[in-house]
Amino acid sequence: MASNEVWSPTQRHIVVASFLGWMLDAFDFFLVVFVLKRIAGDFGTDVKSITYAIFLTLAMRPVGAFLFGRAADHFGRRPALMASVLLYSGMEFASAFAPSLRAFLVLRAFYGIAMGGEWGVGASLAFESVPIRSRGLVSGLLQAGYPCGYLLASVVFGLLFEHIGWRGMFMVGAAPALLVLYIRSKVPESAAWTASRAEPVTRSLRSALSGHWLLALYAIALMTCFNFFSHGTQDLYPHFLEAQRGFSTGTRSIIAIVYNIGAICGGIAFGTLSSRIGRRKAIAIAAGLSLLVMPFWAYSLTPVALAVAAFVMQFMVQGAWGVVPVHLNELSPEGIRATFPGFVYQLGNLLASYNATLQTTIAENRGGVEHPDFAFAFVVVVGTVAALLVVLSLFGPERRDVRFGPQ
């Protein structure tokens, strides 16, 4: 660990549960990006129409962040976390039985609500429970859950897709529901939340954010760029490898596994680094370095070159993201920590939710419907938001190592 402080068994269980909640959440989300073409074929439509499922999932996540966040601020982090995991697992399983495109889109929207609640609640539970000096490391670990989920989806796709099809993959996506048993038996309520129960909880988001509107607007702008940054490099990359580079299922799976390993390493490395050099500097360095590798990541032609470039690219993308959980929790006004980080994060997701459709449109306008130029679309979108992230992070606020709970 980056800290000399020793974690208790309870603290370890809390971090593990929060990590697994986000990892399995991401696993369920990313299953769809590997099978866009097959789902489109089954429903008799095109890939662009299926990307609206991604759009709806991302667009509905702020609703879940608000509902589950407020529930966590009122009734505790633990029950809200369990409810979120159960609901997103259920919606994932139901997606396997969608009889039509319309039904599939509706189910993915409800999945988005359930998914939106997990991140903010799990992060607040973890950061209110671990030592201050460990926050950077824990931030990187928690955010590494996202590429770990993507990695798991890559493995499932590579091993099982040809045997069980896309519907079978969504059935496998119900497995995260078992995490609730672990949370129920091993994870206690946040001590900081318990200590603050005597204080009245704000009943409306408007009053909760009173005096913090500029901070909220800044955080939403920051998270909009962050979500374009991550989804712009992840959601359509497997499809790009198939449609523009012509790689097989096995090759795409291996490349996805490689770049998700890079993402995991980057999140932990920069999250830990942020405790030494500051949250803002760590984000700016990672986002800035991503610009250098972007041409190789988008325009390389061979599987090996793309795998190496994608590894480095995701090291930087998730390196910047590895700072986000702790940065938003430290910036959060006291009393709404389960609501504020998740809500501004998911509002950023809402504003970036059109990313997959946007990139597809840019690619088709550039190369035509038959030969869309996704490499060009990636550089345009991701290059723009990476530059904006450098500026926003360097000129924004920071409250590194602020104490949580009643002062």
Protein backbone atom coordinates (compact mmCIF):
# COMPACT_ATOMS: atom_id res chain seq x y z
CA MET A 1 0.00 0.00 0.00
CA ALA A 2 0.95 3.59 -0.48
CA SER A 3 0.28 4.27 3.17
CA ASN A 4 1.81 3.00 6.39
CA GLU A 5 -1.68 2.72 7.86
CA VAL A 6 -2.98 -0.85 8.13
CA TRP A 7 -6.49 -1.63 6.96
CA SER A 8 -8.77 -3.57 9.26
CA PRO A 9 -10.66 -6.63 7.95
CA THR A 10 -13.83 -4.52 7.87
CA GLN A 11 -12.17 -1.83 5.74
CA ARG A 12 -10.90 -4.48 3.34
CA HIS A 13 -14.39 -5.95 2.98
CA ILE A 14 -15.82 -2.50 2.25
CA VAL A 15 -13.25 -1.77 -0.45
CA VAL A 16 -13.69 -5.23 -1.99
CA ALA A 17 -17.48 -4.84 -2.08
CA SER A 18 -17.29 -1.36 -3.61
CA PHE A 19 -14.76 -2.56 -6.17
CA LEU A 20 -16.82 -5.62 -7.12
CA GLY A 21 -20.00 -3.57 -7.37
CA TRP A 22 -18.44 -1.26 -9.96
CA MET A 23 -16.59 -4.06 -11.75
CA LEU A 24 -19.70 -6.17 -12.22
CA ASP A 25 -21.69 -3.07 -13.15
CA ALA A 26 -19.17 -2.37 -15.93
CA PHE A 27 -19.17 -6.04 -16.93
CA ASP A 28 -22.91 -5.90 -17.54
CA PHE A 29 -22.65 -2.60 -19.42
CA PHE A 30 -19.84 -3.64 -21.74
CA LEU A 31 -21.35 -6.96 -22.80
CA VAL A 32 -23.46 -5.03 -25.31
CA VAL A 33 -20.54 -3.30 -27.07
CA PHE A 34 -19.15 -6.63 -28.27
CA VAL A 35 -22.40 -7.79 -29.86
CA LEU A 36 -23.82 -4.68 -31.52
CA LYS A 37 -23.76 -6.27 -34.98
CA ARG A 38 -25.42 -9.52 -33.85
CA ILE A 39 -28.18 -7.75 -31.95
CA ALA A 40 -28.82 -5.54 -34.98
CA GLY A 41 -29.05 -8.64 -37.17
CA ASP A 42 -31.53 -10.37 -34.87
CA PHE A 43 -33.77 -7.32 -34.72
CA GLY A 44 -33.49 -6.59 -38.43
CA THR A 45 -31.92 -3.16 -38.05
CA ASP A 46 -28.53 -1.46 -38.34
CA VAL A 47 -25.74 -0.96 -35.79
CA LYS A 48 -26.46 2.74 -35.48
CA SER A 49 -29.97 1.94 -34.19
CA ILE A 50 -28.52 -0.41 -31.55
CA THR A 51 -26.15 2.31 -30.34
CA TYR A 52 -29.25 4.04 -28.98
CA ALA A 53 -29.26 1.31 -26.32
CA ILE A 54 -25.90 2.67 -25.13
CA PHE A 55 -27.27 6.20 -25.35
CA LEU A 56 -30.34 5.35 -23.25
CA THR A 57 -28.30 3.49 -20.63
CA LEU A 58 -25.98 6.46 -20.20
CA ALA A 59 -28.80 9.00 -20.35
CA MET A 60 -30.78 7.34 -17.57
CA ARG A 61 -27.87 6.94 -15.18
CA PRO A 62 -28.35 10.42 -13.60
CA VAL A 63 -31.85 9.33 -12.53
CA GLY A 64 -30.37 6.34 -10.71
CA ALA A 65 -27.55 8.41 -9.23
CA PHE A 66 -30.06 10.84 -7.77
CA LEU A 67 -32.57 8.25 -6.49
CA PHE A 68 -30.03 5.84 -4.99
CA GLY A 69 -27.80 8.67 -3.78
CA ARG A 70 -30.62 10.33 -1.88
CA ALA A 71 -31.67 6.95 -0.50
CA ALA A 72 -28.09 6.37 0.67
CA ASP A 73 -27.95 9.80 2.35
CA HIS A 74 -31.26 9.11 4.10
CA PHE A 75 -31.18 5.40 4.90
CA GLY A 76 -27.51 4.41 4.67
CA ARG A 77 -24.95 3.43 2.04
CA ARG A 78 -25.27 -0.33 2.56
CA PRO A 79 -28.98 -0.89 1.73
CA ALA A 80 -28.80 1.50 -1.25
CA LEU A 81 -25.78 -0.36 -2.63
CA MET A 82 -27.50 -3.74 -2.32
CA ALA A 83 -30.66 -2.44 -4.02
CA SER A 84 -28.66 -1.02 -6.93
CA VAL A 85 -26.76 -4.28 -7.52
CA LEU A 86 -29.95 -6.35 -7.42
CA LEU A 87 -31.77 -4.09 -9.84
CA TYR A 88 -29.04 -3.78 -12.45
CA SER A 89 -28.53 -7.56 -12.37
CA GLY A 90 -32.26 -8.09 -12.88
CA MET A 91 -32.45 -5.68 -15.79
CA GLU A 92 -29.42 -7.31 -17.41
CA PHE A 93 -31.07 -10.73 -17.18
CA ALA A 94 -34.34 -9.38 -18.56
CA SER A 95 -32.48 -7.90 -21.56
CA ALA A 96 -31.69 -11.44 -22.69
CA PHE A 97 -35.40 -12.03 -23.35
CA ALA A 98 -36.18 -8.81 -25.23
CA PRO A 99 -38.57 -9.76 -28.07
CA SER A 100 -38.00 -6.62 -30.12
CA LEU A 101 -35.72 -3.62 -30.54
CA ARG A 102 -38.18 -1.38 -28.71
CA ALA A 103 -38.34 -3.73 -25.72
CA PHE A 104 -34.55 -4.03 -25.68
CA LEU A 105 -34.16 -0.24 -25.64
CA VAL A 106 -36.67 0.11 -22.79
CA LEU A 107 -34.88 -2.54 -20.72
CA ARG A 108 -31.51 -0.88 -21.31
CA ALA A 109 -32.98 2.41 -20.13
CA PHE A 110 -34.16 0.80 -16.87
CA TYR A 111 -30.77 -0.89 -16.57
CA GLY A 112 -29.22 2.57 -16.81
CA ILE A 113 -31.24 3.76 -13.81
CA ALA A 114 -30.07 0.82 -11.71
CA MET A 115 -26.48 1.12 -12.93
CA GLY A 116 -26.40 4.84 -12.20
CA GLY A 117 -26.87 4.30 -8.50
CA GLU A 118 -23.90 2.05 -7.81
CA TRP A 119 -20.86 4.25 -8.39
CA GLY A 120 -21.69 7.17 -6.10
CA VAL A 121 -22.99 5.01 -3.27
CA GLY A 122 -20.11 2.52 -3.41
CA ALA A 123 -17.49 5.26 -3.58
CA SER A 124 -18.91 7.21 -0.64
CA LEU A 125 -19.04 4.03 1.46
CA ALA A 126 -15.40 3.26 0.66
CA PHE A 127 -13.92 6.74 1.18
CA GLU A 128 -15.80 7.26 4.43
CA SER A 129 -14.26 4.04 5.72
CA VAL A 130 -10.58 3.99 4.72
CA PRO A 131 -7.63 5.98 6.13
CA ILE A 132 -7.07 9.40 4.53
CA ARG A 133 -3.60 8.52 3.27
CA SER A 134 -5.02 5.51 1.42
CA ARG A 135 -7.62 7.48 -0.54
CA GLY A 136 -5.55 7.87 -3.71
CA LEU A 137 -4.79 4.16 -3.82
CA VAL A 138 -8.42 3.26 -3.09
CA SER A 139 -9.60 5.68 -5.77
CA GLY A 140 -7.40 3.94 -8.33
CA LEU A 141 -8.54 0.52 -7.13
CA LEU A 142 -12.23 1.43 -7.30
CA GLN A 143 -11.96 2.94 -10.75
CA ALA A 144 -9.92 -0.07 -11.88
CA GLY A 145 -13.12 -2.00 -11.32
CA TYR A 146 -14.46 -0.42 -14.52
CA PRO A 147 -11.78 -1.80 -16.87
CA CYS A 148 -11.81 -5.04 -14.86
CA GLY A 149 -15.47 -5.35 -15.78
CA TYR A 150 -14.63 -4.58 -19.40
CA LEU A 151 -11.86 -7.18 -19.22
CA LEU A 152 -14.27 -9.76 -17.83
CA ALA A 153 -16.73 -8.97 -20.61
CA SER A 154 -13.88 -9.44 -23.12
CA VAL A 155 -13.11 -12.88 -21.71
CA VAL A 156 -16.76 -13.96 -21.66
CA PHE A 157 -17.16 -12.75 -25.24
CA GLY A 158 -14.07 -14.59 -26.42
CA LEU A 159 -14.88 -17.86 -24.63
CA LEU A 160 -18.66 -18.09 -24.71
CA PHE A 161 -20.18 -15.93 -27.42
CA GLU A 162 -19.91 -18.47 -30.23
CA HIS A 163 -21.64 -21.03 -27.99
CA ILE A 164 -24.35 -19.07 -26.17
CA GLY A 165 -24.96 -16.05 -28.40
CA TRP A 166 -25.70 -12.52 -27.24
CA ARG A 167 -28.78 -13.54 -25.27
CA GLY A 168 -26.80 -16.10 -23.32
CA MET A 169 -24.20 -13.46 -22.51
CA PHE A 170 -26.87 -11.25 -20.97
CA MET A 171 -28.06 -14.21 -18.88
CA VAL A 172 -24.53 -14.58 -17.53
CA GLY A 173 -24.80 -10.87 -16.68
CA ALA A 174 -27.25 -11.69 -13.89
CA ALA A 175 -24.43 -13.18 -11.79
CA PRO A 176 -23.60 -9.88 -9.99
CA ALA A 177 -26.76 -10.35 -7.92
CA LEU A 178 -24.73 -12.80 -5.81
CA LEU A 179 -22.62 -9.87 -4.58
CA VAL A 180 -25.52 -8.82 -2.38
CA LEU A 181 -24.95 -11.89 -0.21
CA TYR A 182 -21.35 -10.77 0.40
CA ILE A 183 -22.38 -7.20 1.20
CA ARG A 184 -25.09 -8.39 3.57
CA SER A 185 -22.75 -10.69 5.51
CA LYS A 186 -19.44 -8.78 5.49
CA VAL A 187 -20.00 -5.05 4.92
CA PRO A 188 -21.11 -2.72 7.75
CA GLU A 189 -22.66 0.71 7.39
CA SER A 190 -20.42 3.74 6.93
CA ALA A 191 -19.26 5.05 10.31
CA ALA A 192 -19.25 8.63 8.99
CA TRP A 193 -22.87 8.30 7.87
CA THR A 194 -23.87 6.74 11.19
CA ALA A 195 -22.19 9.57 13.11
CA SER A 196 -24.02 12.19 11.08
CA ARG A 197 -27.52 10.70 11.47
CA ALA A 198 -28.34 13.13 14.24
CA GLU A 199 -28.05 15.99 11.75
CA PRO A 200 -31.05 16.61 9.46
CA VAL A 201 -30.61 15.44 5.86
CA THR A 202 -31.51 17.94 3.17
CA ARG A 203 -34.74 16.91 1.47
CA SER A 204 -34.24 18.44 -1.97
CA LEU A 205 -31.30 18.61 -4.30
CA ARG A 206 -31.82 22.35 -4.76
CA SER A 207 -31.43 23.08 -1.06
CA ALA A 208 -28.61 20.56 -0.76
CA LEU A 209 -26.63 22.42 -3.41
CA SER A 210 -27.37 25.87 -2.00
CA GLY A 211 -24.11 27.81 -2.13
CA HIS A 212 -22.44 25.12 -4.24
CA TRP A 213 -23.91 25.74 -7.69
CA LEU A 214 -20.68 26.90 -9.31
CA LEU A 215 -18.92 23.83 -7.94
CA ALA A 216 -21.70 21.61 -9.30
CA LEU A 217 -21.56 23.22 -12.74
CA TYR A 218 -17.78 22.84 -12.84
CA ALA A 219 -18.03 19.19 -11.77
CA ILE A 220 -20.67 18.48 -14.44
CA ALA A 221 -18.49 20.07 -17.16
CA LEU A 222 -15.49 18.08 -15.94
CA MET A 223 -17.43 14.83 -15.92
CA THR A 224 -18.92 15.49 -19.34
CA CYS A 225 -15.39 15.62 -20.74
CA PHE A 226 -14.38 12.58 -18.70
CA ASN A 227 -17.28 10.52 -20.02
CA PHE A 228 -16.59 11.48 -23.63
CA PHE A 229 -12.96 10.54 -22.87
CA SER A 230 -13.76 7.05 -21.62
CA HIS A 231 -16.76 6.11 -23.74
CA GLY A 232 -15.14 7.71 -26.76
CA THR A 233 -12.21 5.31 -26.47
CA GLN A 234 -14.07 2.20 -25.33
CA ASP A 235 -17.63 1.76 -26.55
CA LEU A 236 -17.03 1.49 -30.30
CA TYR A 237 -13.44 0.27 -30.26
CA PRO A 238 -14.36 -3.45 -30.51
CA HIS A 239 -16.72 -2.60 -33.39
CA PHE A 240 -13.93 -0.55 -35.05
CA LEU A 241 -11.61 -3.54 -34.80
CA GLU A 242 -14.22 -5.63 -36.60
CA ALA A 243 -15.69 -3.19 -39.12
CA GLN A 244 -12.62 -1.14 -40.07
CA ARG A 245 -9.74 -3.51 -39.37
CA GLY A 246 -11.54 -6.80 -40.14
CA PHE A 247 -10.28 -8.71 -37.09
CA SER A 248 -11.83 -11.97 -35.91
CA THR A 249 -13.69 -12.54 -32.65
CA GLY A 250 -10.59 -14.04 -31.02
CA THR A 251 -8.30 -11.20 -32.09
CA ARG A 252 -10.74 -8.53 -30.90
CA SER A 253 -11.11 -10.31 -27.58
CA ILE A 254 -7.33 -10.50 -27.06
CA ILE A 255 -6.81 -6.82 -27.95
CA ALA A 256 -9.61 -5.83 -25.56
CA ILE A 257 -8.04 -7.91 -22.79
CA VAL A 258 -4.66 -6.24 -23.40
CA TYR A 259 -5.97 -2.67 -23.30
CA ASN A 260 -8.06 -3.35 -20.23
CA ILE A 261 -4.98 -4.60 -18.41
CA GLY A 262 -3.43 -1.24 -19.32
CA ALA A 263 -6.49 0.54 -17.99
CA ILE A 264 -6.31 -1.30 -14.66
CA CYS A 265 -2.62 -0.48 -14.25
CA GLY A 266 -3.17 3.15 -15.19
CA GLY A 267 -6.03 3.71 -12.78
CA ILE A 268 -4.10 2.34 -9.82
CA ALA A 269 -0.86 4.13 -10.79
CA PHE A 270 -2.34 7.61 -11.25
CA GLY A 271 -4.79 7.24 -8.35
CA THR A 272 -1.86 6.53 -6.06
CA LEU A 273 0.25 9.26 -7.66
CA SER A 274 -2.50 11.82 -7.00
CA SER A 275 -1.91 11.50 -3.25
CA ARG A 276 1.61 12.79 -3.81
CA ILE A 277 1.33 15.40 -6.57
CA GLY A 278 -2.34 16.38 -6.22
CA ARG A 279 -5.57 15.35 -7.93
CA ARG A 280 -5.54 18.07 -10.61
CA LYS A 281 -1.95 17.52 -11.75
CA ALA A 282 -2.41 13.75 -11.99
CA ILE A 283 -5.48 14.16 -14.20
CA ALA A 284 -3.79 16.74 -16.44
CA ILE A 285 -0.67 14.61 -16.94
CA ALA A 286 -2.65 11.49 -17.90
CA ALA A 287 -4.99 13.37 -20.27
CA GLY A 288 -2.09 15.23 -21.87
CA LEU A 289 -0.07 12.07 -22.48
CA SER A 290 -3.07 10.41 -24.14
CA LEU A 291 -2.83 12.98 -26.94
CA LEU A 292 0.66 11.71 -27.81
CA VAL A 293 -0.40 8.09 -28.29
CA MET A 294 -3.73 8.86 -30.00
CA PRO A 295 -2.52 8.67 -33.65
CA PHE A 296 -1.01 5.21 -33.06
CA TRP A 297 -4.14 4.04 -31.22
CA ALA A 298 -6.47 5.11 -34.05
CA TYR A 299 -4.40 4.53 -37.21
CA SER A 300 -2.20 1.49 -36.59
CA LEU A 301 -3.02 -1.43 -38.88
CA THR A 302 -1.66 -4.65 -37.33
CA PRO A 303 -3.11 -6.42 -34.27
CA VAL A 304 0.16 -6.12 -32.34
CA ALA A 305 0.56 -2.40 -33.02
CA LEU A 306 -3.06 -1.70 -32.11
CA ALA A 307 -2.83 -3.78 -28.94
CA VAL A 308 0.29 -1.92 -27.76
CA ALA A 309 -1.14 1.50 -28.59
CA ALA A 310 -4.49 0.63 -27.00
CA PHE A 311 -2.71 -0.58 -23.85
CA VAL A 312 -0.93 2.78 -23.49
CA MET A 313 -4.04 4.75 -24.44
CA GLN A 314 -6.20 3.08 -21.82
CA PHE A 315 -3.39 3.38 -19.26
CA MET A 316 -3.75 7.15 -19.68
CA VAL A 317 -7.54 7.28 -20.02
CA GLN A 318 -8.18 5.22 -16.92
CA GLY A 319 -5.16 6.80 -15.26
CA ALA A 320 -7.02 10.11 -15.37
CA TRP A 321 -10.20 8.34 -14.29
CA GLY A 322 -8.41 6.70 -11.38
CA VAL A 323 -8.35 10.10 -9.66
CA VAL A 324 -12.05 10.84 -10.21
CA PRO A 325 -13.65 8.88 -7.32
CA VAL A 326 -11.54 10.50 -4.61
CA HIS A 327 -11.51 13.93 -6.29
CA LEU A 328 -15.32 14.15 -6.50
CA ASN A 329 -15.82 12.78 -2.99
CA GLU A 330 -13.39 15.33 -1.57
CA LEU A 331 -15.07 18.16 -3.48
CA SER A 332 -18.53 17.04 -2.32
CA PRO A 333 -20.39 19.23 0.21
CA GLU A 334 -20.83 17.45 3.54
CA GLY A 335 -24.18 15.71 3.99
CA ILE A 336 -24.77 14.83 0.34
CA ARG A 337 -21.68 12.76 -0.38
CA ALA A 338 -23.66 9.78 -1.66
CA THR A 339 -25.64 12.08 -3.97
CA PHE A 340 -23.24 14.76 -5.24
CA PRO A 341 -20.37 12.70 -6.76
CA GLY A 342 -22.65 10.17 -8.43
CA PHE A 343 -25.15 12.76 -9.64
CA VAL A 344 -22.62 15.12 -11.26
CA TYR A 345 -20.80 12.11 -12.70
CA GLN A 346 -23.98 10.73 -14.23
CA LEU A 347 -25.13 14.14 -15.47
CA GLY A 348 -21.82 14.25 -17.30
CA ASN A 349 -22.71 10.82 -18.64
CA LEU A 350 -26.06 12.18 -19.81
CA LEU A 351 -24.38 15.01 -21.71
CA ALA A 352 -21.91 12.53 -23.22
CA SER A 353 -24.47 9.77 -23.81
CA TYR A 354 -24.78 10.56 -27.51
CA ASN A 355 -21.12 9.66 -27.98
CA ALA A 356 -21.58 6.29 -29.72
CA THR A 357 -24.15 7.66 -32.14
CA LEU A 358 -22.09 10.83 -32.66
CA GLN A 359 -18.93 8.90 -33.46
CA THR A 360 -20.84 6.58 -35.80
CA THR A 361 -22.32 9.58 -37.60
CA ILE A 362 -18.90 11.26 -37.97
CA ALA A 363 -17.40 7.98 -39.21
CA GLU A 364 -20.16 7.46 -41.79
CA ASN A 365 -19.98 11.05 -42.99
CA ARG A 366 -16.23 10.68 -43.42
CA GLY A 367 -16.06 7.24 -45.07
CA GLY A 368 -19.62 6.39 -46.07
CA VAL A 369 -22.11 3.95 -44.57
CA GLU A 370 -20.35 0.94 -46.10
CA HIS A 371 -16.84 1.99 -44.99
CA PRO A 372 -17.18 4.27 -41.93
CA ASP A 373 -13.94 5.92 -40.78
CA PHE A 374 -14.03 5.32 -37.02
CA ALA A 375 -10.34 6.20 -36.65
CA PHE A 376 -11.10 9.76 -37.77
CA ALA A 377 -14.15 9.96 -35.48
CA PHE A 378 -12.09 8.78 -32.51
CA VAL A 379 -9.39 11.40 -33.03
CA VAL A 380 -11.88 14.25 -33.48
CA VAL A 381 -13.97 13.48 -30.39
CA VAL A 382 -11.34 12.11 -28.00
CA GLY A 383 -8.65 14.60 -28.99
CA THR A 384 -10.98 17.50 -28.25
CA VAL A 385 -12.09 16.31 -24.82
CA ALA A 386 -8.57 15.27 -23.78
CA ALA A 387 -7.36 18.82 -24.39
CA LEU A 388 -10.35 20.23 -22.50
CA LEU A 389 -9.62 17.91 -19.56
CA VAL A 390 -6.11 19.28 -19.23
CA VAL A 391 -7.45 22.82 -19.00
CA LEU A 392 -10.40 22.07 -16.70
CA SER A 393 -8.38 19.98 -14.28
CA LEU A 394 -5.54 22.48 -13.95
CA PHE A 395 -7.81 25.47 -13.34
CA GLY A 396 -10.38 23.75 -11.13
CA PRO A 397 -10.64 23.38 -7.33
CA GLU A 398 -9.05 20.70 -5.18
CA ARG A 399 -9.59 19.61 -1.55
CA ARG A 400 -7.07 16.82 -1.19
CA ASP A 401 -7.23 14.90 2.12
CA VAL A 402 -10.22 16.85 3.51
CA ARG A 403 -11.79 15.09 6.49
CA PHE A 404 -15.21 13.46 6.12
CA GLY A 405 -18.03 13.35 8.64
CA PRO A 406 -18.89 15.75 11.49
CA GLN A 407 -15.96 18.08 12.15
